[in-house]
Amino acid sequence: MKRIGFFASIVGLGLFASMPSLAAAQATPPAASGALNHAEVGVYGDYLRYEPNTSQIDFVGVGGRLGINMSPHLALEGEINYDFARNYTNTYTTGTSSTTTTTFVTTRLRPLTGLFGPKLQFGTSGPLRAFVTGKLGFINFTESNPNNVSTGTFSSAVSGVGGPGTHLAFYPGGGLEAFAGPFGLRAEVGDEIYLDNGTYNNLRVTFGPTLRF
């Protein structure tokens, strides 16, 4: 199932790349591209398929990232995201028809992830570019009131980093970015791996706006 989910995400990125609106975007002249190739900042929605054992929890949350370009094709990037809700998908079958419903519910268990590492990017002179990344960091699990998501609960999660709920994390991933001048959209998929008396693989997908300058 992990491989199926991963390949499905790759297909989704391919569809994103083939959108007519992106294909119709005009190429940025090399000089202008260089002027917009110093750094990149963005926010995103985050999906984490958390699989600590035979069970599966679909977390959703938000995050932000900042990248500094060391060269046109190499950036050093840091990011942090906070997953505070769980997605429940139910399918009801009545006779020959079925209905699928999706519900997002805040949860008591909330992962906080921080990652840092290199990002190799290709096609930096045009509006569409691909990239791969490999990052190292942590994932921290905290528990709080499931009905309360605030800056206070996020601050508590940050202050808890380094405690018993914190685990070493690795993240290999890749994706696509599409730009119209300095503004763009970024889609990414990867495997968030953490260590806790064993190795645990977790599908991670992010999508959101980005700004380059």
C-alpha atoms as a PDB file:
ATOM      1  CA  MET A   1       0.000   0.000   0.000  1.00  0.00           C
ATOM      2  CA  LYS A   2       2.884   2.390   0.712  1.00  0.00           C
ATOM      3  CA  ARG A   3       4.249   1.966  -2.812  1.00  0.00           C
ATOM      4  CA  ILE A   4       0.793   2.430  -4.349  1.00  0.00           C
ATOM      5  CA  GLY A   5       0.288   5.673  -2.428  1.00  0.00           C
ATOM      6  CA  PHE A   6       3.754   6.928  -3.388  1.00  0.00           C
ATOM      7  CA  PHE A   7       3.334   6.199  -7.100  1.00  0.00           C
ATOM      8  CA  ALA A   8      -0.148   7.773  -7.047  1.00  0.00           C
ATOM      9  CA  SER A   9       1.395  10.945  -5.683  1.00  0.00           C
ATOM     10  CA  ILE A  10       4.046  10.915  -8.439  1.00  0.00           C
ATOM     11  CA  VAL A  11       1.247  10.652 -11.040  1.00  0.00           C
ATOM     12  CA  GLY A  12      -0.493  13.584  -9.384  1.00  0.00           C
ATOM     13  CA  LEU A  13       2.659  15.669  -9.721  1.00  0.00           C
ATOM     14  CA  GLY A  14       2.841  14.737 -13.387  1.00  0.00           C
ATOM     15  CA  LEU A  15      -0.727  15.947 -13.938  1.00  0.00           C
ATOM     16  CA  PHE A  16       0.161  19.159 -12.136  1.00  0.00           C
ATOM     17  CA  ALA A  17       3.073  19.660 -14.538  1.00  0.00           C
ATOM     18  CA  SER A  18       0.870  19.140 -17.582  1.00  0.00           C
ATOM     19  CA  MET A  19      -1.764  21.730 -16.672  1.00  0.00           C
ATOM     20  CA  PRO A  20      -2.457  23.902 -19.747  1.00  0.00           C
ATOM     21  CA  SER A  21      -2.160  27.119 -17.778  1.00  0.00           C
ATOM     22  CA  LEU A  22       1.364  26.219 -16.755  1.00  0.00           C
ATOM     23  CA  ALA A  23       2.357  25.143 -20.254  1.00  0.00           C
ATOM     24  CA  ALA A  24       1.120  28.484 -21.579  1.00  0.00           C
ATOM     25  CA  ALA A  25       3.273  30.506 -19.160  1.00  0.00           C
ATOM     26  CA  GLN A  26       5.920  32.618 -20.891  1.00  0.00           C
ATOM     27  CA  ALA A  27       9.578  31.773 -20.307  1.00  0.00           C
ATOM     28  CA  THR A  28      11.463  34.181 -18.049  1.00  0.00           C
ATOM     29  CA  PRO A  29      14.462  35.820 -19.745  1.00  0.00           C
ATOM     30  CA  PRO A  30      17.805  34.595 -18.348  1.00  0.00           C
ATOM     31  CA  ALA A  31      18.687  37.989 -16.854  1.00  0.00           C
ATOM     32  CA  ALA A  32      15.346  38.269 -15.042  1.00  0.00           C
ATOM     33  CA  SER A  33      15.608  34.657 -13.899  1.00  0.00           C
ATOM     34  CA  GLY A  34      18.974  35.363 -12.300  1.00  0.00           C
ATOM     35  CA  ALA A  35      17.477  38.333 -10.459  1.00  0.00           C
ATOM     36  CA  LEU A  36      14.832  36.007  -9.001  1.00  0.00           C
ATOM     37  CA  ASN A  37      17.191  33.205  -8.057  1.00  0.00           C
ATOM     38  CA  HIS A  38      18.618  34.305  -4.710  1.00  0.00           C
ATOM     39  CA  ALA A  39      16.118  32.863  -2.226  1.00  0.00           C
ATOM     40  CA  GLU A  40      12.661  31.350  -1.937  1.00  0.00           C
ATOM     41  CA  VAL A  41      10.035  31.452   0.800  1.00  0.00           C
ATOM     42  CA  GLY A  42       6.713  29.641   0.900  1.00  0.00           C
ATOM     43  CA  VAL A  43       3.849  28.230   2.920  1.00  0.00           C
ATOM     44  CA  TYR A  44       2.055  24.956   2.312  1.00  0.00           C
ATOM     45  CA  GLY A  45      -0.610  22.514   3.301  1.00  0.00           C
ATOM     46  CA  ASP A  46       0.812  19.236   4.575  1.00  0.00           C
ATOM     47  CA  TYR A  47      -0.447  15.641   4.410  1.00  0.00           C
ATOM     48  CA  LEU A  48       1.349  12.978   6.452  1.00  0.00           C
ATOM     49  CA  ARG A  49       0.337   9.335   6.281  1.00  0.00           C
ATOM     50  CA  TYR A  50       1.574   8.260   9.700  1.00  0.00           C
ATOM     51  CA  GLU A  51       2.096   4.499  10.020  1.00  0.00           C
ATOM     52  CA  PRO A  52       3.710   3.594  13.358  1.00  0.00           C
ATOM     53  CA  ASN A  53       2.718  -0.083  13.024  1.00  0.00           C
ATOM     54  CA  THR A  54      -0.068  -1.873  11.163  1.00  0.00           C
ATOM     55  CA  SER A  55      -2.444   1.075  11.665  1.00  0.00           C
ATOM     56  CA  GLN A  56      -2.570   4.257   9.572  1.00  0.00           C
ATOM     57  CA  ILE A  57      -3.404   7.841  10.556  1.00  0.00           C
ATOM     58  CA  ASP A  58      -3.852  10.529   7.902  1.00  0.00           C
ATOM     59  CA  PHE A  59      -2.634  13.820   9.416  1.00  0.00           C
ATOM     60  CA  VAL A  60      -3.072  17.244   7.825  1.00  0.00           C
ATOM     61  CA  GLY A  61      -1.562  20.561   8.823  1.00  0.00           C
ATOM     62  CA  VAL A  62       0.337  23.632   7.663  1.00  0.00           C
ATOM     63  CA  GLY A  63       3.976  24.627   7.345  1.00  0.00           C
ATOM     64  CA  GLY A  64       6.508  27.080   5.994  1.00  0.00           C
ATOM     65  CA  ARG A  65       9.941  26.915   4.381  1.00  0.00           C
ATOM     66  CA  LEU A  66      12.856  29.148   3.480  1.00  0.00           C
ATOM     67  CA  GLY A  67      15.591  28.369   0.958  1.00  0.00           C
ATOM     68  CA  ILE A  68      18.813  30.243   0.191  1.00  0.00           C
ATOM     69  CA  ASN A  69      20.393  29.591  -3.202  1.00  0.00           C
ATOM     70  CA  MET A  70      24.091  28.773  -3.099  1.00  0.00           C
ATOM     71  CA  SER A  71      24.064  28.574  -6.922  1.00  0.00           C
ATOM     72  CA  PRO A  72      21.322  28.513  -9.605  1.00  0.00           C
ATOM     73  CA  HIS A  73      21.006  24.738  -9.151  1.00  0.00           C
ATOM     74  CA  LEU A  74      21.694  24.300  -5.424  1.00  0.00           C
ATOM     75  CA  ALA A  75      19.806  25.692  -2.433  1.00  0.00           C
ATOM     76  CA  LEU A  76      19.975  25.093   1.308  1.00  0.00           C
ATOM     77  CA  GLU A  77      16.456  24.873   2.664  1.00  0.00           C
ATOM     78  CA  GLY A  78      14.819  24.667   6.077  1.00  0.00           C
ATOM     79  CA  GLU A  79      11.173  23.969   6.868  1.00  0.00           C
ATOM     80  CA  ILE A  80       8.823  23.320   9.747  1.00  0.00           C
ATOM     81  CA  ASN A  81       5.236  22.074   9.795  1.00  0.00           C
ATOM     82  CA  TYR A  82       2.594  21.287  12.401  1.00  0.00           C
ATOM     83  CA  ASP A  83      -0.051  18.612  11.840  1.00  0.00           C
ATOM     84  CA  PHE A  84      -3.083  19.173  14.057  1.00  0.00           C
ATOM     85  CA  ALA A  85      -5.968  17.392  12.335  1.00  0.00           C
ATOM     86  CA  ARG A  86      -6.826  13.894  11.224  1.00  0.00           C
ATOM     87  CA  ASN A  87      -8.652  12.940   8.067  1.00  0.00           C
ATOM     88  CA  TYR A  88     -11.355  10.277   8.262  1.00  0.00           C
ATOM     89  CA  THR A  89     -12.591   8.761   5.013  1.00  0.00           C
ATOM     90  CA  ASN A  90     -15.620   6.482   5.134  1.00  0.00           C
ATOM     91  CA  THR A  91     -17.328   4.614   2.304  1.00  0.00           C
ATOM     92  CA  TYR A  92     -20.933   3.499   2.724  1.00  0.00           C
ATOM     93  CA  THR A  93     -22.407   0.900   0.381  1.00  0.00           C
ATOM     94  CA  THR A  94     -26.173   0.691  -0.096  1.00  0.00           C
ATOM     95  CA  GLY A  95     -27.337  -1.852  -2.639  1.00  0.00           C
ATOM     96  CA  THR A  96     -25.379  -1.214  -5.824  1.00  0.00           C
ATOM     97  CA  SER A  97     -24.240   2.339  -4.962  1.00  0.00           C
ATOM     98  CA  SER A  98     -21.618   3.674  -2.567  1.00  0.00           C
ATOM     99  CA  THR A  99     -20.962   7.049  -0.953  1.00  0.00           C
ATOM    100  CA  THR A 100     -17.582   8.286   0.272  1.00  0.00           C
ATOM    101  CA  THR A 101     -17.316  11.030   2.902  1.00  0.00           C
ATOM    102  CA  THR A 102     -14.227  12.852   4.158  1.00  0.00           C
ATOM    103  CA  THR A 103     -14.043  14.555   7.555  1.00  0.00           C
ATOM    104  CA  PHE A 104     -11.225  16.531   9.179  1.00  0.00           C
ATOM    105  CA  VAL A 105     -11.124  16.329  12.973  1.00  0.00           C
ATOM    106  CA  THR A 106      -8.597  17.890  15.349  1.00  0.00           C
ATOM    107  CA  THR A 107      -6.649  15.280  17.291  1.00  0.00           C
ATOM    108  CA  ARG A 108      -4.906  15.026  20.633  1.00  0.00           C
ATOM    109  CA  LEU A 109      -1.708  13.623  19.066  1.00  0.00           C
ATOM    110  CA  ARG A 110       0.062  16.217  16.905  1.00  0.00           C
ATOM    111  CA  PRO A 111       3.344  15.792  15.006  1.00  0.00           C
ATOM    112  CA  LEU A 112       5.745  18.706  14.620  1.00  0.00           C
ATOM    113  CA  THR A 113       8.431  18.273  11.943  1.00  0.00           C
ATOM    114  CA  GLY A 114      11.593  20.314  11.341  1.00  0.00           C
ATOM    115  CA  LEU A 115      13.933  19.548   8.432  1.00  0.00           C
ATOM    116  CA  PHE A 116      17.027  21.096   6.843  1.00  0.00           C
ATOM    117  CA  GLY A 117      19.134  20.116   3.848  1.00  0.00           C
ATOM    118  CA  PRO A 118      20.104  20.650   0.203  1.00  0.00           C
ATOM    119  CA  LYS A 119      17.704  21.068  -2.686  1.00  0.00           C
ATOM    120  CA  LEU A 120      18.916  20.351  -6.231  1.00  0.00           C
ATOM    121  CA  GLN A 121      16.816  22.186  -8.815  1.00  0.00           C
ATOM    122  CA  PHE A 122      16.664  21.872 -12.591  1.00  0.00           C
ATOM    123  CA  GLY A 123      15.279  24.221 -15.242  1.00  0.00           C
ATOM    124  CA  THR A 124      15.961  27.393 -13.246  1.00  0.00           C
ATOM    125  CA  SER A 125      15.873  29.642 -16.349  1.00  0.00           C
ATOM    126  CA  GLY A 126      12.196  28.951 -17.095  1.00  0.00           C
ATOM    127  CA  PRO A 127       8.789  29.092 -15.407  1.00  0.00           C
ATOM    128  CA  LEU A 128       8.711  25.359 -14.655  1.00  0.00           C
ATOM    129  CA  ARG A 129      11.401  23.483 -12.749  1.00  0.00           C
ATOM    130  CA  ALA A 130      11.877  20.140 -11.058  1.00  0.00           C
ATOM    131  CA  PHE A 131      13.828  19.464  -7.892  1.00  0.00           C
ATOM    132  CA  VAL A 132      14.993  16.722  -5.551  1.00  0.00           C
ATOM    133  CA  THR A 133      15.877  17.152  -1.894  1.00  0.00           C
ATOM    134  CA  GLY A 134      17.349  15.203   1.001  1.00  0.00           C
ATOM    135  CA  LYS A 135      16.892  16.626   4.489  1.00  0.00           C
ATOM    136  CA  LEU A 136      17.735  15.754   8.065  1.00  0.00           C
ATOM    137  CA  GLY A 137      15.852  16.857  11.162  1.00  0.00           C
ATOM    138  CA  PHE A 138      13.318  15.711  13.723  1.00  0.00           C
ATOM    139  CA  ILE A 139       9.711  14.753  14.260  1.00  0.00           C
ATOM    140  CA  ASN A 140       8.199  15.484  17.661  1.00  0.00           C
ATOM    141  CA  PHE A 141       4.928  14.051  18.963  1.00  0.00           C
ATOM    142  CA  THR A 142       2.932  16.000  21.545  1.00  0.00           C
ATOM    143  CA  GLU A 143      -0.533  15.659  23.041  1.00  0.00           C
ATOM    144  CA  SER A 144      -2.926  18.498  23.861  1.00  0.00           C
ATOM    145  CA  ASN A 145      -6.609  19.333  24.029  1.00  0.00           C
ATOM    146  CA  PRO A 146      -8.072  18.087  20.728  1.00  0.00           C
ATOM    147  CA  ASN A 147     -10.560  20.975  20.633  1.00  0.00           C
ATOM    148  CA  ASN A 148      -7.920  23.670  21.027  1.00  0.00           C
ATOM    149  CA  VAL A 149      -5.463  24.595  18.249  1.00  0.00           C
ATOM    150  CA  SER A 150      -3.698  27.891  18.928  1.00  0.00           C
ATOM    151  CA  THR A 151      -0.311  29.607  19.013  1.00  0.00           C
ATOM    152  CA  GLY A 152      -0.043  28.310  22.584  1.00  0.00           C
ATOM    153  CA  THR A 153      -0.327  24.652  21.580  1.00  0.00           C
ATOM    154  CA  PHE A 154       2.176  25.212  18.764  1.00  0.00           C
ATOM    155  CA  SER A 155       4.595  26.924  21.175  1.00  0.00           C
ATOM    156  CA  SER A 156       4.231  24.011  23.599  1.00  0.00           C
ATOM    157  CA  ALA A 157       5.087  21.588  20.803  1.00  0.00           C
ATOM    158  CA  VAL A 158       8.185  23.618  19.896  1.00  0.00           C
ATOM    159  CA  SER A 159       9.332  23.820  23.521  1.00  0.00           C
ATOM    160  CA  GLY A 160       8.930  20.051  23.810  1.00  0.00           C
ATOM    161  CA  VAL A 161      11.454  19.333  21.048  1.00  0.00           C
ATOM    162  CA  GLY A 162      14.311  17.311  22.510  1.00  0.00           C
ATOM    163  CA  GLY A 163      12.094  15.454  24.958  1.00  0.00           C
ATOM    164  CA  PRO A 164      11.035  11.788  24.905  1.00  0.00           C
ATOM    165  CA  GLY A 165       8.615  12.429  22.020  1.00  0.00           C
ATOM    166  CA  THR A 166      11.355  13.663  19.673  1.00  0.00           C
ATOM    167  CA  HIS A 167      12.878  11.333  17.064  1.00  0.00           C
ATOM    168  CA  LEU A 168      15.562  11.685  14.399  1.00  0.00           C
ATOM    169  CA  ALA A 169      14.011  12.082  10.943  1.00  0.00           C
ATOM    170  CA  PHE A 170      15.244  11.780   7.353  1.00  0.00           C
ATOM    171  CA  TYR A 171      13.404  13.033   4.308  1.00  0.00           C
ATOM    172  CA  PRO A 172      14.138  12.193   0.651  1.00  0.00           C
ATOM    173  CA  GLY A 173      11.695  13.812  -1.753  1.00  0.00           C
ATOM    174  CA  GLY A 174      11.126  15.726  -4.933  1.00  0.00           C
ATOM    175  CA  GLY A 175       8.595  17.729  -6.878  1.00  0.00           C
ATOM    176  CA  LEU A 176       7.785  20.540  -9.276  1.00  0.00           C
ATOM    177  CA  GLU A 177       7.545  24.321  -9.114  1.00  0.00           C
ATOM    178  CA  ALA A 178       5.721  26.585 -11.594  1.00  0.00           C
ATOM    179  CA  PHE A 179       6.325  30.354 -11.640  1.00  0.00           C
ATOM    180  CA  ALA A 180       4.827  33.471 -13.171  1.00  0.00           C
ATOM    181  CA  GLY A 181       7.526  35.993 -12.372  1.00  0.00           C
ATOM    182  CA  PRO A 182       8.301  35.833  -8.635  1.00  0.00           C
ATOM    183  CA  PHE A 183       5.076  34.021  -7.710  1.00  0.00           C
ATOM    184  CA  GLY A 184       4.649  30.280  -7.999  1.00  0.00           C
ATOM    185  CA  LEU A 185       3.101  27.040  -6.851  1.00  0.00           C
ATOM    186  CA  ARG A 186       5.059  24.116  -5.443  1.00  0.00           C
ATOM    187  CA  ALA A 187       4.031  20.459  -5.190  1.00  0.00           C
ATOM    188  CA  GLU A 188       6.231  17.917  -3.421  1.00  0.00           C
ATOM    189  CA  VAL A 189       6.120  14.289  -2.343  1.00  0.00           C
ATOM    190  CA  GLY A 190       8.542  12.248  -0.266  1.00  0.00           C
ATOM    191  CA  ASP A 191       9.120   9.723   2.483  1.00  0.00           C
ATOM    192  CA  GLU A 192       9.422  11.060   6.033  1.00  0.00           C
ATOM    193  CA  ILE A 193      11.483   8.424   7.839  1.00  0.00           C
ATOM    194  CA  TYR A 194      11.987   8.501  11.581  1.00  0.00           C
ATOM    195  CA  LEU A 195      13.794   6.258  14.075  1.00  0.00           C
ATOM    196  CA  ASP A 196      12.129   4.891  17.210  1.00  0.00           C
ATOM    197  CA  ASN A 197      13.485   1.440  18.065  1.00  0.00           C
ATOM    198  CA  GLY A 198      13.180   0.742  14.376  1.00  0.00           C
ATOM    199  CA  THR A 199      12.682   2.587  11.093  1.00  0.00           C
ATOM    200  CA  TYR A 200       9.255   3.958  10.131  1.00  0.00           C
ATOM    201  CA  ASN A 201       8.338   5.205   6.647  1.00  0.00           C
ATOM    202  CA  ASN A 202       5.575   7.766   6.225  1.00  0.00           C
ATOM    203  CA  LEU A 203       4.274   9.230   2.959  1.00  0.00           C
ATOM    204  CA  ARG A 204       4.339  13.043   2.995  1.00  0.00           C
ATOM    205  CA  VAL A 205       2.789  15.399   0.415  1.00  0.00           C
ATOM    206  CA  THR A 206       2.880  19.213   0.462  1.00  0.00           C
ATOM    207  CA  PHE A 207       1.342  21.850  -1.816  1.00  0.00           C
ATOM    208  CA  GLY A 208       1.244  25.631  -1.626  1.00  0.00           C
ATOM    209  CA  PRO A 209       2.317  29.048  -2.911  1.00  0.00           C
ATOM    210  CA  THR A 210       5.940  30.142  -3.039  1.00  0.00           C
ATOM    211  CA  LEU A 211       7.802  33.398  -3.672  1.00  0.00           C
ATOM    212  CA  ARG A 212      11.262  33.697  -5.197  1.00  0.00           C
ATOM    213  CA  PHE A 213      13.437  36.813  -5.163  1.00  0.00           C
END
